[in-house]
């Protein structure tokens, strides 16, 4: 058998070194006394220096030590892999939360912008309605056809039929209509009637002023004349 160094078997542990040293000590005629001396001797020993009956024991101890080292390295690698996976999962979770927060903030910003644009359009429409109402020539009286013509110029085309349905039920297009029991007044039966003064001081005699006020009321309370008409159909008032 070749003189293979005990170190070649990775006999690095104290147990393996002590075992080799002890055997060498016996083979040399010494006694098992000092562990330090034994280990020193074992460091330079070779398989040929060990009795044949003890060589298998030494090799087994060396291979066991190697296996322990390999298992330790494998455990360390597995731990490192698990830690890296956990780190990546935590980073992904944090990113997902950030993306969700950013999306929510973007939606809130868009909703606020849309609401602002709607408000601006409503104000512009209100201003346009006011201009349209003032364009009509003031008369002592107006026929139903004249009042309806005014409404067609003030109310948006896609909302006119809904507006007309409400006026038909409330006053049959009589701008001087008065509800005897409640006191509601005018085309859209404002209650009390003087609320229409916010659209013009001539609310009692000018159908255009009443139409303007009624349209603004329907827009602010039901978003549109058609919204008001849907409510009226369900409740028979608005």
Protein backbone atom coordinates (compact mmCIF):
# COMPACT_ATOMS: atom_id res chain seq x y z
CA UNK A 1 0.00 0.00 0.00
CA UNK A 2 1.36 3.45 -0.87
CA UNK A 3 2.25 5.90 1.80
CA UNK A 4 -0.81 8.06 1.56
CA UNK A 5 -0.77 10.95 4.04
CA UNK A 6 -3.51 10.91 6.65
CA UNK A 7 -4.05 14.56 5.71
CA UNK A 8 -5.05 13.30 2.26
CA UNK A 9 -8.13 11.81 3.87
CA UNK A 10 -9.01 15.23 5.31
CA UNK A 11 -8.41 14.08 8.88
CA UNK A 12 -8.95 17.57 10.18
CA UNK A 13 -11.07 16.99 13.22
CA UNK A 14 -9.63 16.54 16.68
CA UNK A 15 -11.30 13.16 16.95
CA UNK A 16 -9.71 11.77 13.77
CA UNK A 17 -6.28 13.21 14.62
CA UNK A 18 -6.42 11.85 18.15
CA UNK A 19 -7.40 8.40 16.85
CA UNK A 20 -4.49 8.33 14.39
CA UNK A 21 -2.07 9.66 16.98
CA UNK A 22 -3.12 7.09 19.52
CA UNK A 23 -2.63 4.23 17.09
CA UNK A 24 0.77 5.52 15.99
CA UNK A 25 1.81 5.84 19.62
CA UNK A 26 0.93 2.22 20.31
CA UNK A 27 2.70 1.05 17.15
CA UNK A 28 5.85 2.89 18.25
CA UNK A 29 5.78 1.22 21.65
CA UNK A 30 4.66 4.31 23.48
CA UNK A 31 1.72 4.78 25.82
CA UNK A 32 -1.48 6.83 25.45
CA UNK A 33 -0.38 9.70 27.58
CA UNK A 34 -0.28 13.20 26.20
CA UNK A 35 -2.99 14.00 23.67
CA UNK A 36 -0.91 16.90 22.44
CA UNK A 37 2.06 14.73 21.61
CA UNK A 38 -0.18 12.15 20.01
CA UNK A 39 -1.85 14.75 17.80
CA UNK A 40 1.54 16.16 16.78
CA UNK A 41 2.74 12.74 15.79
CA UNK A 42 -0.52 12.07 13.91
CA UNK A 43 -0.06 15.22 11.88
CA UNK A 44 2.94 13.68 10.11
CA UNK A 45 1.76 10.06 10.17
CA UNK A 46 0.93 8.01 7.09
CA UNK A 47 -1.36 5.04 6.55
CA UNK A 48 1.73 2.76 6.35
CA UNK A 49 2.67 3.81 9.90
CA UNK A 50 -0.66 2.54 11.24
CA UNK A 51 -1.25 -1.14 11.97
CA UNK A 52 -3.29 -2.79 9.25
CA UNK A 53 -6.07 -3.57 11.68
CA UNK A 54 -6.57 0.14 12.43
CA UNK A 55 -6.36 1.52 8.88
CA UNK A 56 -10.07 0.98 8.14
CA UNK A 57 -10.98 2.83 11.34
CA UNK A 58 -8.83 5.78 10.38
CA UNK A 59 -10.23 5.94 6.86
CA UNK A 60 -13.79 5.71 8.18
CA UNK A 61 -13.17 8.58 10.59
CA UNK A 62 -11.72 10.67 7.75
CA UNK A 63 -14.62 9.99 5.40
CA UNK A 64 -17.12 10.70 8.18
CA UNK A 65 -15.46 14.06 8.76
CA UNK A 66 -15.62 14.83 5.04
CA UNK A 67 -19.29 13.93 5.00
CA UNK A 68 -19.94 16.21 7.99
CA UNK A 69 -18.19 19.07 6.23
CA UNK A 70 -20.21 18.47 3.06
CA UNK A 71 -23.47 18.36 5.00
CA UNK A 72 -22.55 21.59 6.79
CA UNK A 73 -21.79 23.26 3.47
CA UNK A 74 -25.05 21.96 1.99
CA UNK A 75 -27.01 23.31 4.98
CA UNK A 76 -25.31 26.68 4.64
CA UNK A 77 -26.10 26.78 0.92
CA UNK A 78 -29.74 25.85 1.58
CA UNK A 79 -30.01 28.53 4.26
CA UNK A 80 -28.50 31.11 1.95
CA UNK A 81 -30.92 30.11 -0.84
CA UNK A 82 -33.89 30.32 1.53
CA UNK A 83 -32.78 33.75 2.76
CA UNK A 84 -32.37 34.99 -0.81
CA UNK A 85 -35.83 33.67 -1.76
CA UNK A 86 -37.34 35.38 1.29
CA UNK A 87 -35.57 38.63 0.39
CA UNK A 88 -36.87 38.49 -3.18
CA UNK A 89 -40.42 37.69 -1.98
CA UNK A 90 -40.34 40.61 0.47
CA UNK A 91 -39.04 42.93 -2.24
CA UNK A 92 -41.79 41.81 -4.64
CA UNK A 93 -44.46 42.30 -1.97
CA UNK A 94 -43.17 45.81 -1.27
CA UNK A 95 -43.16 46.61 -4.99
CA UNK A 96 -46.71 45.28 -5.40
CA UNK A 97 -47.90 47.46 -2.53
CA UNK A 98 -46.16 50.50 -4.01
CA UNK A 99 -47.69 49.83 -7.44
CA UNK A 100 -51.15 49.50 -5.88
CA UNK A 101 -50.68 52.74 -3.94
CA UNK A 102 -49.48 54.55 -7.06
CA UNK A 103 -52.46 53.24 -9.04
CA UNK A 104 -54.87 54.34 -6.31
CA UNK A 105 -53.29 57.79 -6.17
CA UNK A 106 -53.43 58.11 -9.97
CA UNK A 107 -57.12 57.14 -9.97
CA UNK A 108 -57.91 59.63 -7.21
CA UNK A 109 -56.08 62.34 -9.15
CA UNK A 110 -57.98 61.45 -12.34
CA UNK A 111 -61.32 61.43 -10.49
CA UNK A 112 -60.57 64.84 -9.02
CA UNK A 113 -59.59 66.16 -12.45
CA UNK A 114 -62.76 64.76 -14.02
CA UNK A 115 -64.89 66.28 -11.27
CA UNK A 116 -63.22 69.64 -11.79
CA UNK A 117 -63.84 69.45 -15.55
CA UNK A 118 -67.50 68.56 -14.98
CA UNK A 119 -67.87 71.49 -12.61
CA UNK A 120 -66.29 73.83 -15.13
CA UNK A 121 -68.63 72.56 -17.84
CA UNK A 122 -71.61 73.06 -15.57
CA UNK A 123 -70.52 76.59 -14.80
CA UNK A 124 -69.98 77.26 -18.49
CA UNK A 125 -73.40 75.83 -19.28
CA UNK A 126 -74.94 77.96 -16.55
CA UNK A 127 -73.28 81.03 -17.97
CA UNK A 128 -74.48 80.08 -21.43
CA UNK A 129 -78.00 79.58 -20.14
CA UNK A 130 -77.93 83.00 -18.50
CA UNK A 131 -76.90 84.58 -21.78
CA UNK A 132 -79.60 82.70 -23.67
CA UNK A 133 -82.26 83.74 -21.19
CA UNK A 134 -81.36 87.40 -21.49
CA UNK A 135 -81.52 87.26 -25.27
CA UNK A 136 -85.30 86.89 -25.35
CA UNK A 137 -87.45 89.95 -25.87
CA UNK A 138 -89.50 90.73 -22.80
CA UNK A 139 -93.25 90.67 -23.49
CA UNK A 140 -96.40 91.12 -21.50
CA UNK A 141 -97.48 87.54 -22.16
CA UNK A 142 -96.26 84.42 -23.94
CA UNK A 143 -98.05 81.60 -25.71
CA UNK A 144 -97.29 77.96 -24.99
CA UNK A 145 -95.52 77.71 -28.36
CA UNK A 146 -93.31 80.70 -27.52
CA UNK A 147 -92.44 79.28 -24.11
CA UNK A 148 -91.53 75.93 -25.65
CA UNK A 149 -89.40 77.67 -28.25
CA UNK A 150 -87.51 79.42 -25.46
CA UNK A 151 -86.97 76.08 -23.69
CA UNK A 152 -85.58 74.50 -26.85
CA UNK A 153 -82.96 77.24 -27.06
CA UNK A 154 -81.98 76.98 -23.39
CA UNK A 155 -82.20 73.25 -22.62
CA UNK A 156 -79.67 70.91 -24.30
CA UNK A 157 -81.26 69.03 -27.19
CA UNK A 158 -80.67 65.59 -25.68
CA UNK A 159 -82.38 66.70 -22.45
CA UNK A 160 -85.29 68.65 -23.84
CA UNK A 161 -87.83 65.81 -23.97
CA UNK A 162 -87.22 64.93 -20.31
CA UNK A 163 -87.50 68.60 -19.36
CA UNK A 164 -90.70 68.88 -21.40
CA UNK A 165 -92.20 65.79 -19.71
CA UNK A 166 -91.72 67.34 -16.27
CA UNK A 167 -93.14 70.72 -17.31
CA UNK A 168 -96.15 69.02 -18.93
CA UNK A 169 -96.96 67.29 -15.65
CA UNK A 170 -96.16 70.25 -13.39
CA UNK A 171 -97.76 73.19 -15.21
CA UNK A 172 -98.79 72.20 -18.77
CA UNK A 173 -96.35 74.94 -19.90
CA UNK A 174 -98.22 77.69 -18.03
CA UNK A 175 -95.52 80.02 -16.71
CA UNK A 176 -98.04 81.66 -14.35
CA UNK A 177 -99.38 78.40 -12.91
CA UNK A 178 -99.92 78.44 -9.13
CA UNK A 179 -100.57 75.42 -6.92
CA UNK A 180 -103.48 76.46 -4.71
CA UNK A 181 -102.50 74.21 -1.80
CA UNK A 182 -98.72 74.55 -1.72
CA UNK A 183 -98.07 77.85 -3.46
CA UNK A 184 -95.64 76.30 -5.94
CA UNK A 185 -95.23 78.60 -8.93
CA UNK A 186 -94.36 78.65 -12.60
CA UNK A 187 -93.41 76.19 -15.32
CA UNK A 188 -91.42 73.86 -13.03
CA UNK A 189 -93.53 74.61 -9.91
CA UNK A 190 -90.74 75.99 -7.76
CA UNK A 191 -91.60 75.88 -4.05
CA UNK A 192 -91.58 78.53 -2.86
CA UNK A 193 -91.76 80.41 -6.13
CA UNK A 194 -89.40 83.19 -5.06
CA UNK A 195 -86.48 80.73 -5.14
CA UNK A 196 -86.39 81.44 -8.86
CA UNK A 197 -85.23 84.98 -8.09
CA UNK A 198 -81.69 83.55 -8.06
CA UNK A 199 -82.06 83.32 -11.85
CA UNK A 200 -83.65 86.76 -12.29
CA UNK A 201 -85.84 89.33 -10.61
CA UNK A 202 -88.49 88.82 -13.30
CA UNK A 203 -89.11 85.19 -12.30
CA UNK A 204 -92.87 85.73 -12.03
CA UNK A 205 -93.35 87.01 -15.56
CA UNK A 206 -90.45 85.78 -17.68
CA UNK A 207 -90.62 82.13 -18.87
CA UNK A 208 -86.93 82.22 -19.87
CA UNK A 209 -85.94 82.99 -16.26
CA UNK A 210 -88.08 80.12 -15.01
CA UNK A 211 -86.62 77.74 -17.59
CA UNK A 212 -83.09 78.76 -16.66
CA UNK A 213 -83.76 78.22 -12.95
CA UNK A 214 -85.52 74.89 -13.58
CA UNK A 215 -82.65 73.58 -15.70
CA UNK A 216 -80.05 74.54 -13.08
CA UNK A 217 -82.16 72.92 -10.35
CA UNK A 218 -82.47 69.64 -12.28
CA UNK A 219 -78.75 69.60 -13.05
CA UNK A 220 -77.69 70.27 -9.47
CA UNK A 221 -80.22 67.93 -7.84
CA UNK A 222 -80.41 65.08 -10.37
CA UNK A 223 -77.43 65.71 -12.68
CA UNK A 224 -79.74 66.35 -15.65
CA UNK A 225 -83.38 66.83 -16.66
CA UNK A 226 -83.49 63.14 -17.61
CA UNK A 227 -82.24 62.26 -14.14
CA UNK A 228 -85.00 64.43 -12.70
CA UNK A 229 -87.58 62.80 -14.99
CA UNK A 230 -86.53 59.30 -13.86
CA UNK A 231 -86.99 60.37 -10.25
CA UNK A 232 -90.34 61.99 -11.05
CA UNK A 233 -91.62 58.80 -12.69
CA UNK A 234 -90.76 56.82 -9.57
CA UNK A 235 -92.11 59.36 -7.04
CA UNK A 236 -94.46 61.72 -8.95
CA UNK A 237 -92.53 64.70 -7.62
CA UNK A 238 -88.97 65.93 -7.93
